[in-house]
Protein backbone atom coordinates (compact mmCIF):
# COMPACT_ATOMS: atom_id res chain seq x y z
CA MET A 1 -0.02 -0.04 0.01
CA ALA A 2 1.07 3.64 -0.61
CA GLY A 3 2.91 5.30 2.34
CA CYS A 4 4.01 8.56 3.37
CA LEU A 5 5.13 10.76 0.28
CA GLU A 6 8.00 12.98 -0.03
CA ASP A 7 6.66 15.96 -2.16
CA THR A 8 8.61 18.61 -3.58
CA GLU A 9 5.81 21.08 -3.60
CA SER A 10 4.91 20.55 -0.06
CA THR A 11 7.06 23.19 1.59
CA PRO A 12 5.35 26.74 1.64
CA THR A 13 7.15 29.69 0.30
CA SER A 14 8.80 32.24 2.68
CA GLY A 15 6.99 35.26 3.81
CA GLY A 16 3.70 33.12 4.52
CA GLY A 17 1.73 32.82 7.57
CA ASP A 18 -0.57 35.18 9.53
CA THR A 19 -3.67 35.18 11.48
CA GLY A 20 -5.52 32.40 9.54
CA ASP A 21 -8.22 34.72 8.38
CA GLY A 22 -7.84 33.82 4.78
CA SER A 23 -5.60 37.01 4.08
CA GLY A 24 -3.17 34.84 2.34
CA THR A 25 0.67 34.92 2.13
CA GLY A 26 1.19 37.62 -0.48
CA THR A 27 0.41 41.02 -1.61
CA GLU A 28 -2.92 42.01 -3.00
CA GLY A 29 -3.70 42.06 -6.64
CA GLY A 30 -5.13 39.24 -8.89
CA ASP A 31 -2.40 40.37 -11.40
CA SER A 32 0.36 39.49 -8.89
CA GLY A 33 1.35 42.98 -8.32
CA GLY A 34 4.83 42.20 -8.15
CA GLN A 35 4.49 39.19 -6.18
CA ASP A 36 6.67 36.13 -7.45
CA SER A 37 4.87 33.27 -5.60
CA TYR A 38 1.37 32.14 -4.22
CA THR A 39 1.10 29.31 -1.48
CA ILE A 40 -2.16 27.30 -1.21
CA GLY A 41 -2.78 24.21 0.77
CA MET A 42 -3.84 20.69 0.24
CA VAL A 43 -4.71 18.07 2.74
CA ASP A 44 -4.39 14.60 1.24
CA ALA A 45 -4.31 10.98 2.63
CA LEU A 46 -0.58 10.29 2.48
CA THR A 47 -0.95 7.52 5.13
CA GLY A 48 -3.75 5.31 6.54
CA SER A 49 -6.35 3.35 4.60
CA LEU A 50 -7.00 6.08 2.03
CA ALA A 51 -3.21 6.31 1.06
CA PRO A 52 -3.72 4.47 -2.19
CA TYR A 53 -6.13 7.31 -3.28
CA GLY A 54 -3.81 10.05 -2.05
CA ASN A 55 -0.89 8.85 -4.09
CA ARG A 56 -2.89 9.42 -7.22
CA ASN A 57 -3.97 12.79 -5.97
CA GLN A 58 -0.50 13.97 -5.59
CA ARG A 59 0.47 12.95 -9.21
CA GLY A 60 -2.50 14.80 -10.47
CA LYS A 61 -1.56 17.80 -8.15
CA ASP A 62 1.86 17.93 -9.30
CA LEU A 63 1.05 17.82 -13.20
CA ALA A 64 -1.25 20.79 -12.51
CA VAL A 65 1.44 22.86 -10.68
CA ALA A 66 3.73 22.31 -13.47
CA ALA A 67 1.36 23.36 -16.15
CA ILE A 68 0.26 26.41 -14.35
CA ASN A 69 3.83 27.48 -13.59
CA GLU A 70 4.81 27.24 -17.17
CA THR A 71 2.61 30.31 -17.76
CA GLY A 72 2.78 31.71 -14.28
CA ILE A 73 0.12 33.77 -12.30
CA GLY A 74 -0.36 37.39 -13.24
CA SER A 75 1.63 39.78 -15.54
CA GLU A 76 4.70 38.94 -13.46
CA GLY A 77 4.33 35.12 -13.88
CA ALA A 78 4.27 34.25 -10.33
CA GLN A 79 4.78 30.67 -9.51
CA LEU A 80 2.19 28.60 -7.32
CA SER A 81 3.45 26.44 -4.56
CA ILE A 82 1.24 24.06 -2.47
CA ALA A 83 1.78 23.17 1.22
CA VAL A 84 0.79 19.69 1.72
CA GLU A 85 -0.33 18.04 4.98
CA ASP A 86 -1.28 14.57 5.84
CA SER A 87 -5.07 13.73 6.81
CA GLU A 88 -3.67 10.32 7.95
CA SER A 89 -7.06 8.95 6.65
CA SER A 90 -8.95 10.22 9.76
CA ASN A 91 -11.31 13.12 10.75
CA GLN A 92 -9.27 14.33 13.60
CA SER A 93 -5.86 14.38 11.72
CA GLY A 94 -7.60 15.85 8.76
CA VAL A 95 -8.89 18.74 10.99
CA THR A 96 -5.34 19.19 12.60
CA ALA A 97 -3.71 19.46 9.09
CA ALA A 98 -6.49 21.96 7.92
CA GLN A 99 -5.62 24.12 11.18
CA LYS A 100 -2.01 24.18 10.60
CA LEU A 101 -2.59 25.30 6.80
CA VAL A 102 -5.01 28.10 7.96
CA GLU A 103 -3.61 29.34 11.16
CA GLN A 104 0.18 28.84 10.75
CA ASN A 105 0.61 28.94 6.95
CA GLY A 106 -1.97 31.40 6.37
CA VAL A 107 -3.56 30.00 3.13
CA PRO A 108 -6.62 31.67 1.76
CA LEU A 109 -7.60 28.44 -0.06
CA PHE A 110 -6.86 24.71 0.73
CA ILE A 111 -7.81 21.57 -1.43
CA GLY A 112 -8.86 18.58 0.66
CA ALA A 113 -9.69 15.74 1.18
CA VAL A 114 -10.24 12.25 -0.06
CA GLY A 115 -12.51 10.79 2.50
CA SER A 116 -16.05 12.58 2.62
CA GLY A 117 -16.03 12.57 6.46
CA VAL A 118 -12.53 14.08 6.62
CA SER A 119 -13.68 17.05 4.15
CA ILE A 120 -16.82 17.65 6.37
CA ALA A 121 -14.92 17.65 9.57
CA MET A 122 -12.51 20.15 8.22
CA TYR A 123 -15.02 22.30 6.84
CA ASP A 124 -17.21 22.20 9.93
CA SER A 125 -14.25 22.84 12.40
CA VAL A 126 -11.89 24.93 10.48
CA THR A 127 -13.24 26.52 7.19
CA LYS A 128 -16.91 27.60 7.77
CA GLY A 129 -16.96 31.24 8.76
CA SER A 130 -13.18 31.52 8.41
CA GLY A 131 -13.20 33.25 4.92
CA VAL A 132 -10.96 30.48 3.60
CA VAL A 133 -12.08 28.46 0.43
CA GLN A 134 -12.16 24.70 0.54
CA ILE A 135 -12.21 22.55 -2.59
CA SER A 136 -12.45 18.77 -2.03
CA GLN A 137 -10.61 16.72 -4.83
CA ASN A 138 -12.24 13.34 -4.21
CA SER A 139 -15.24 13.46 -1.57
CA THR A 140 -18.27 12.20 -3.07
CA SER A 141 -20.91 12.06 -0.08
CA PRO A 142 -24.40 13.52 -0.74
CA GLU A 143 -23.91 15.08 2.61
CA LEU A 144 -21.28 17.65 1.05
CA THR A 145 -24.22 19.17 -0.80
CA THR A 146 -25.84 20.39 2.50
CA ARG A 147 -22.73 22.53 2.90
CA PRO A 148 -22.81 25.02 -0.02
CA GLY A 149 -19.56 26.60 1.00
CA LEU A 150 -17.65 23.26 0.74
CA LEU A 151 -16.77 23.02 -3.10
CA ARG A 152 -15.69 19.58 -4.90
CA THR A 153 -14.43 18.66 -8.25
CA SER A 154 -15.71 15.17 -8.10
CA PRO A 155 -19.62 14.62 -8.39
CA SER A 156 -21.99 13.84 -5.51
CA GLY A 157 -22.69 10.19 -4.86
CA SER A 158 -26.40 10.67 -5.15
CA ALA A 159 -26.54 10.24 -8.92
CA LYS A 160 -24.14 7.22 -8.41
CA GLY A 161 -26.23 5.58 -5.67
CA LYS A 162 -29.29 5.67 -7.89
CA ALA A 163 -27.48 4.32 -10.94
CA LEU A 164 -26.22 1.64 -8.56
CA ALA A 165 -29.55 0.70 -7.55
CA GLN A 166 -30.79 0.55 -11.02
CA PHE A 167 -27.85 -1.49 -12.11
CA VAL A 168 -28.28 -4.11 -9.51
CA ALA A 169 -31.89 -4.48 -10.12
CA GLY A 170 -31.17 -4.53 -13.98
CA ASP A 171 -29.20 -7.71 -13.29
CA ASP A 172 -32.59 -9.36 -11.93
CA HIS A 173 -31.55 -9.13 -8.43
CA ASP A 174 -34.49 -8.67 -6.05
CA LYS A 175 -32.62 -9.10 -2.85
CA VAL A 176 -29.37 -7.46 -1.94
CA ALA A 177 -26.98 -7.36 1.35
CA VAL A 178 -25.43 -4.06 1.66
CA THR A 179 -22.15 -3.33 4.02
CA TRP A 180 -20.78 0.15 4.09
CA ILE A 181 -17.85 1.90 5.59
CA ASN A 182 -18.96 3.58 8.79
CA ASN A 183 -18.60 7.16 7.78
CA ASP A 184 -20.32 9.94 5.83
CA TYR A 185 -19.41 8.39 2.80
CA GLY A 186 -20.59 4.99 3.41
CA SER A 187 -23.89 6.22 5.05
CA GLY A 188 -24.75 8.50 2.53
CA LEU A 189 -24.33 6.43 -0.32
CA SER A 190 -26.04 3.37 1.14
CA GLU A 191 -29.01 5.65 2.10
CA VAL A 192 -29.27 6.73 -1.40
CA PHE A 193 -29.09 3.04 -2.73
CA ALA A 194 -31.79 1.68 -0.30
CA GLU A 195 -33.99 4.53 -1.26
CA ASN A 196 -33.87 3.69 -4.98
CA PHE A 197 -33.46 -0.05 -5.03
CA GLU A 198 -36.72 -1.63 -6.37
CA GLY A 199 -36.22 -4.83 -4.57
CA GLU A 200 -35.44 -5.77 -1.00
CA VAL A 201 -32.31 -4.53 1.04
CA VAL A 202 -32.15 -7.70 3.36
CA PHE A 203 -28.72 -6.66 5.19
CA ASN A 204 -27.66 -2.96 5.54
CA GLU A 205 -25.08 -2.69 8.17
CA PRO A 206 -21.75 -0.65 8.59
CA HIS A 207 -18.40 -1.99 9.29
CA ASP A 208 -15.53 -0.10 10.74
CA GLN A 209 -12.62 1.24 9.13
CA GLY A 210 -9.25 -0.47 9.55
CA GLN A 211 -10.15 -3.76 11.13
CA SER A 212 -8.08 -7.00 10.72
CA SER A 213 -11.00 -9.18 9.96
CA TYR A 214 -14.59 -8.66 8.78
CA SER A 215 -15.61 -12.32 9.32
CA GLY A 216 -18.54 -11.37 11.54
CA THR A 217 -20.16 -9.07 8.74
CA LEU A 218 -19.67 -11.50 6.07
CA THR A 219 -21.28 -14.52 8.05
CA LYS A 220 -24.25 -12.21 8.68
CA MET A 221 -24.63 -11.44 4.92
CA ALA A 222 -24.06 -15.10 3.99
CA SER A 223 -26.99 -15.95 6.13
CA THR A 224 -29.50 -13.93 4.10
CA ASP A 225 -31.00 -15.20 1.07
CA ALA A 226 -29.49 -12.31 -0.88
CA SER A 227 -28.14 -13.07 -4.39
CA ALA A 228 -26.21 -9.68 -4.65
CA TRP A 229 -23.69 -8.27 -2.12
CA LEU A 230 -22.90 -4.55 -2.41
CA PHE A 231 -19.55 -3.34 -0.89
CA LEU A 232 -19.43 0.26 -0.16
CA THR A 233 -15.94 0.41 1.47
CA TYR A 234 -12.28 1.46 0.84
CA ALA A 235 -9.41 -0.63 -0.71
CA ASN A 236 -7.85 -2.06 2.68
CA GLU A 237 -11.18 -3.10 3.90
CA MET A 238 -12.22 -4.68 0.55
CA THR A 239 -9.17 -6.60 0.25
CA VAL A 240 -9.72 -8.22 3.79
CA MET A 241 -13.24 -8.78 2.99
CA ALA A 242 -12.43 -10.32 -0.35
CA ASN A 243 -9.81 -12.55 1.11
CA GLU A 244 -12.00 -14.05 3.89
CA ALA A 245 -15.01 -14.33 1.78
CA PHE A 246 -12.93 -16.27 -0.83
CA ASP A 247 -11.59 -18.53 1.98
CA GLN A 248 -15.15 -19.31 3.20
CA GLY A 249 -16.32 -19.86 -0.40
CA TYR A 250 -18.86 -17.18 -0.24
CA ASN A 251 -18.02 -15.49 -3.42
CA THR A 252 -19.32 -18.51 -5.44
CA GLY A 253 -22.91 -18.17 -4.42
CA VAL A 254 -23.52 -14.36 -5.02
CA ASP A 255 -22.74 -11.55 -7.23
CA TYR A 256 -20.43 -8.92 -5.96
CA TYR A 257 -21.14 -4.99 -6.73
CA GLY A 258 -19.31 -2.02 -5.66
CA ALA A 259 -18.66 1.64 -6.31
CA GLU A 260 -15.48 3.68 -6.99
CA SER A 261 -13.58 2.88 -4.01
CA THR A 262 -13.56 -0.74 -4.54
CA ILE A 263 -11.32 -0.14 -7.67
CA ALA A 264 -7.75 -0.08 -6.70
CA ASP A 265 -4.46 -1.90 -8.01
CA GLU A 266 -3.67 -2.63 -4.33
CA ILE A 267 -6.93 -4.85 -4.01
CA LEU A 268 -6.01 -6.96 -7.04
CA GLU A 269 -2.39 -7.23 -5.85
CA ASN A 270 -3.40 -8.39 -2.38
CA THR A 271 -6.15 -11.05 -3.32
CA PRO A 272 -6.05 -14.17 -5.12
CA GLU A 273 -7.28 -14.65 -8.79
CA GLY A 274 -10.74 -15.78 -8.88
CA SER A 275 -11.79 -14.11 -5.76
CA LEU A 276 -13.35 -11.14 -7.31
CA ASN A 277 -14.23 -12.53 -10.85
CA GLY A 278 -17.63 -11.15 -11.91
CA MET A 279 -17.65 -8.28 -9.63
CA LYS A 280 -19.37 -5.11 -11.10
CA GLY A 281 -19.97 -1.68 -10.22
CA ILE A 282 -20.16 2.00 -11.12
CA THR A 283 -17.48 4.63 -10.75
CA GLU A 284 -16.86 8.17 -11.68
CA SER A 285 -15.27 8.56 -14.96
CA ALA A 286 -13.46 11.14 -17.16
CA PRO A 287 -14.51 11.89 -20.71
CA ALA A 288 -12.18 9.60 -22.68
CA ASP A 289 -12.87 11.28 -26.04
CA GLN A 290 -12.20 14.93 -24.87
CA GLU A 291 -9.02 16.32 -26.17
CA ASN A 292 -7.67 17.91 -22.87
CA TYR A 293 -8.17 14.61 -21.09
CA GLN A 294 -6.12 12.89 -23.63
CA ASN A 295 -3.37 15.37 -23.19
CA PHE A 296 -3.75 14.69 -19.51
CA VAL A 297 -3.45 11.13 -20.03
CA SER A 298 -0.32 11.52 -22.29
CA ARG A 299 1.42 13.85 -19.82
CA PHE A 300 0.56 11.33 -16.96
CA LYS A 301 1.87 8.37 -18.83
CA SER A 302 5.02 10.11 -19.73
CA GLU A 303 5.76 11.29 -16.33
CA TYR A 304 4.72 8.17 -14.11
CA ASP A 305 4.71 5.36 -16.87
CA THR A 306 1.19 4.39 -15.96
CA SER A 307 -2.55 5.51 -16.83
CA PRO A 308 -4.30 7.98 -14.56
CA THR A 309 -7.52 7.47 -12.87
CA VAL A 310 -10.15 9.98 -12.84
CA TRP A 311 -9.50 10.73 -9.29
CA ALA A 312 -5.96 12.17 -10.37
CA ALA A 313 -8.01 14.29 -12.95
CA TYR A 314 -10.23 15.68 -10.02
CA ALA A 315 -7.21 16.63 -8.15
CA TYR A 316 -5.77 18.28 -11.15
CA ASP A 317 -8.90 20.41 -11.93
CA ALA A 318 -9.07 21.32 -8.12
CA VAL A 319 -5.61 22.82 -8.49
CA THR A 320 -6.29 24.54 -11.81
CA ILE A 321 -9.38 26.06 -10.60
CA ALA A 322 -7.64 27.62 -7.60
CA ALA A 323 -4.94 29.02 -9.88
CA ILE A 324 -7.58 30.56 -12.25
CA ALA A 325 -9.46 32.09 -9.14
CA ILE A 326 -6.25 33.57 -8.15
CA GLU A 327 -5.57 35.05 -11.42
CA ALA A 328 -9.29 36.40 -11.47
CA ALA A 329 -9.22 37.86 -7.97
CA ASP A 330 -8.56 41.26 -7.10
CA GLU A 331 -6.61 40.22 -4.26
CA PHE A 332 -5.02 37.24 -2.73
CA THR A 333 -7.51 36.72 0.24
CA GLY A 334 -10.16 34.01 0.83
CA SER A 335 -13.03 36.32 0.54
CA ALA A 336 -11.53 37.52 -2.90
CA LEU A 337 -11.17 33.96 -4.06
CA LYS A 338 -14.44 32.97 -2.82
CA SER A 339 -16.28 35.64 -4.88
CA VAL A 340 -14.92 34.35 -8.17
CA VAL A 341 -14.14 30.68 -7.87
CA ARG A 342 -17.55 29.36 -8.91
CA ASP A 343 -17.71 31.97 -11.71
CA VAL A 344 -14.58 30.71 -13.65
CA THR A 345 -16.40 27.31 -14.05
CA ARG A 346 -19.75 28.53 -15.07
CA PRO A 347 -21.15 27.71 -18.51
CA GLU A 348 -22.04 31.34 -19.35
CA GLY A 349 -18.29 32.07 -20.00
CA GLN A 350 -16.13 31.24 -23.00
CA GLU A 351 -14.77 27.50 -22.67
CA VAL A 352 -11.06 27.17 -21.91
CA PHE A 353 -9.23 23.95 -21.42
CA THR A 354 -6.14 24.89 -19.92
CA PHE A 355 -4.94 27.61 -17.14
CA SER A 356 -3.09 29.54 -19.98
CA GLU A 357 -6.35 30.01 -21.99
CA ALA A 358 -8.12 31.28 -18.74
CA ALA A 359 -5.19 33.61 -17.98
CA GLU A 360 -5.19 35.03 -21.53
CA ILE A 361 -8.97 36.09 -21.26
CA LEU A 362 -8.54 37.50 -17.74
CA ARG A 363 -5.36 39.55 -18.69
CA ASP A 364 -7.17 40.89 -21.89
CA GLY A 365 -9.67 42.57 -19.64
CA GLY A 366 -12.28 39.69 -19.34
CA SER A 367 -14.10 39.11 -15.95
CA PRO A 368 -14.26 36.00 -13.94
CA SER A 369 -17.83 35.11 -15.63
CA ASP A 370 -16.25 35.27 -19.04
CA VAL A 371 -14.17 32.09 -18.21
CA ASN A 372 -15.73 28.63 -18.37
CA TYR A 373 -12.98 26.25 -17.33
CA GLN A 374 -13.70 22.70 -18.90
CA GLY A 375 -11.73 20.38 -16.63
CA VAL A 376 -9.61 17.29 -17.74
CA SER A 377 -12.35 15.41 -15.69
CA GLY A 378 -15.13 17.18 -17.98
CA PRO A 379 -17.33 20.04 -17.25
CA VAL A 380 -16.82 21.43 -13.75
CA ASP A 381 -19.83 23.83 -13.55
CA LEU A 382 -20.09 24.26 -9.89
CA ASP A 383 -23.71 24.91 -9.01
CA GLU A 384 -25.06 26.73 -5.92
CA ASN A 385 -24.28 23.67 -3.66
CA GLY A 386 -20.59 23.57 -4.81
CA ASP A 387 -21.22 20.29 -6.77
CA PRO A 388 -20.31 19.56 -10.40
CA PRO A 389 -22.19 17.37 -12.92
CA GLY A 390 -21.10 13.85 -12.93
CA LEU A 391 -20.05 11.19 -15.63
CA TYR A 392 -20.06 7.57 -14.60
CA GLN A 393 -18.88 4.23 -16.14
CA VAL A 394 -19.62 0.62 -15.60
CA TYR A 395 -16.76 -1.59 -14.64
CA SER A 396 -16.34 -5.35 -13.98
CA VAL A 397 -13.53 -7.72 -12.77
CA ALA A 398 -12.50 -10.40 -15.35
CA GLU A 399 -9.37 -12.38 -15.29
CA HIS A 400 -8.49 -10.35 -12.07
CA GLN A 401 -8.46 -7.18 -13.88
CA TYR A 402 -10.61 -4.22 -14.17
CA LYS A 403 -12.68 -3.89 -17.24
CA TYR A 404 -14.77 -0.74 -18.22
CA GLY A 405 -17.85 -0.45 -20.11
CA ASP A 406 -20.96 1.93 -20.88
CA TYR A 407 -21.17 5.55 -19.62
CA ILE A 408 -23.82 7.12 -17.44
CA THR A 409 -24.48 10.86 -17.33
CA SER A 410 -26.13 12.44 -14.17
């Protein structure tokens, strides 16, 4: 599993830090005003059970920073730097990390986090009322929608939960057993699924994160007459469950289903062949035929010798939106960034596909609403709740590999 990552962009630039009121680390002026650098923050899962997802975010973040700094922010070509803190995949550590970024580094904007519960905890404890802008790169819980000030580049799980319910029912299953990770992500997605499933949910219970065994949960699921099992969980937990279910022979009598968090190379690497064959699910997806996504894939493969996931694309877009907002704002403060960050993604503006294209419009006298950033993950279009639209794709496991099929648009 991924561990603690060393990151060259994780050290804030000098001259930073103030009272944590979102006033930032630099001089005012959206055109840099002679400033040579800007520092924003990022809370990511570098350790803990969400580290496999944090690793891909760091790669997306690094590619975005490189592209932005090729152009530079403002007329002086100021460089963007990101101070990265580890959420350790837990709510409390995430809050501590956010507090450090806001109160010690003085960032007016930070990106974070992976887990929905971590993002919500940081917003409720740190961001709300502070004047600081928070953009989650990977959190999908429907609960985030109830906090309009908490923005995100990954879509809400509401549409995914409905699509999952229809998908499982469409495979002629009328009874399903559901187990979900005991946090905001799991509870939110399981509720949407249960509300929309046409059949009967005969088992619907949580499991705790980071356990060494889930045999009790699996035994209860096996005692039902469900023909389908839905796992709404993370990579570490799915690995343990898949291994235990395989050992007990449970996987031969039911069909497995999952969502996006049951897609991870680490799961396949740490489970035996045959343990997940036939598993299906629905995951967030990027527009494969979109030119800027293809360019992103090409750069990612060149840099890391592997293909990106859509989650790396969401991280890339979160950083790019932040940079465009800095370019567009009158000053480098939380309140100034908050007033423009939605505008630069809205469909009323001219479509742009890179930071450079957005900067050109703004430097030619355009306003934030003249820019409509089209992310590498697809249209962002942050609505009044801070949510983007969603594109989803069906996946399955065959020959111990993930295979991808039809697209679903929310």
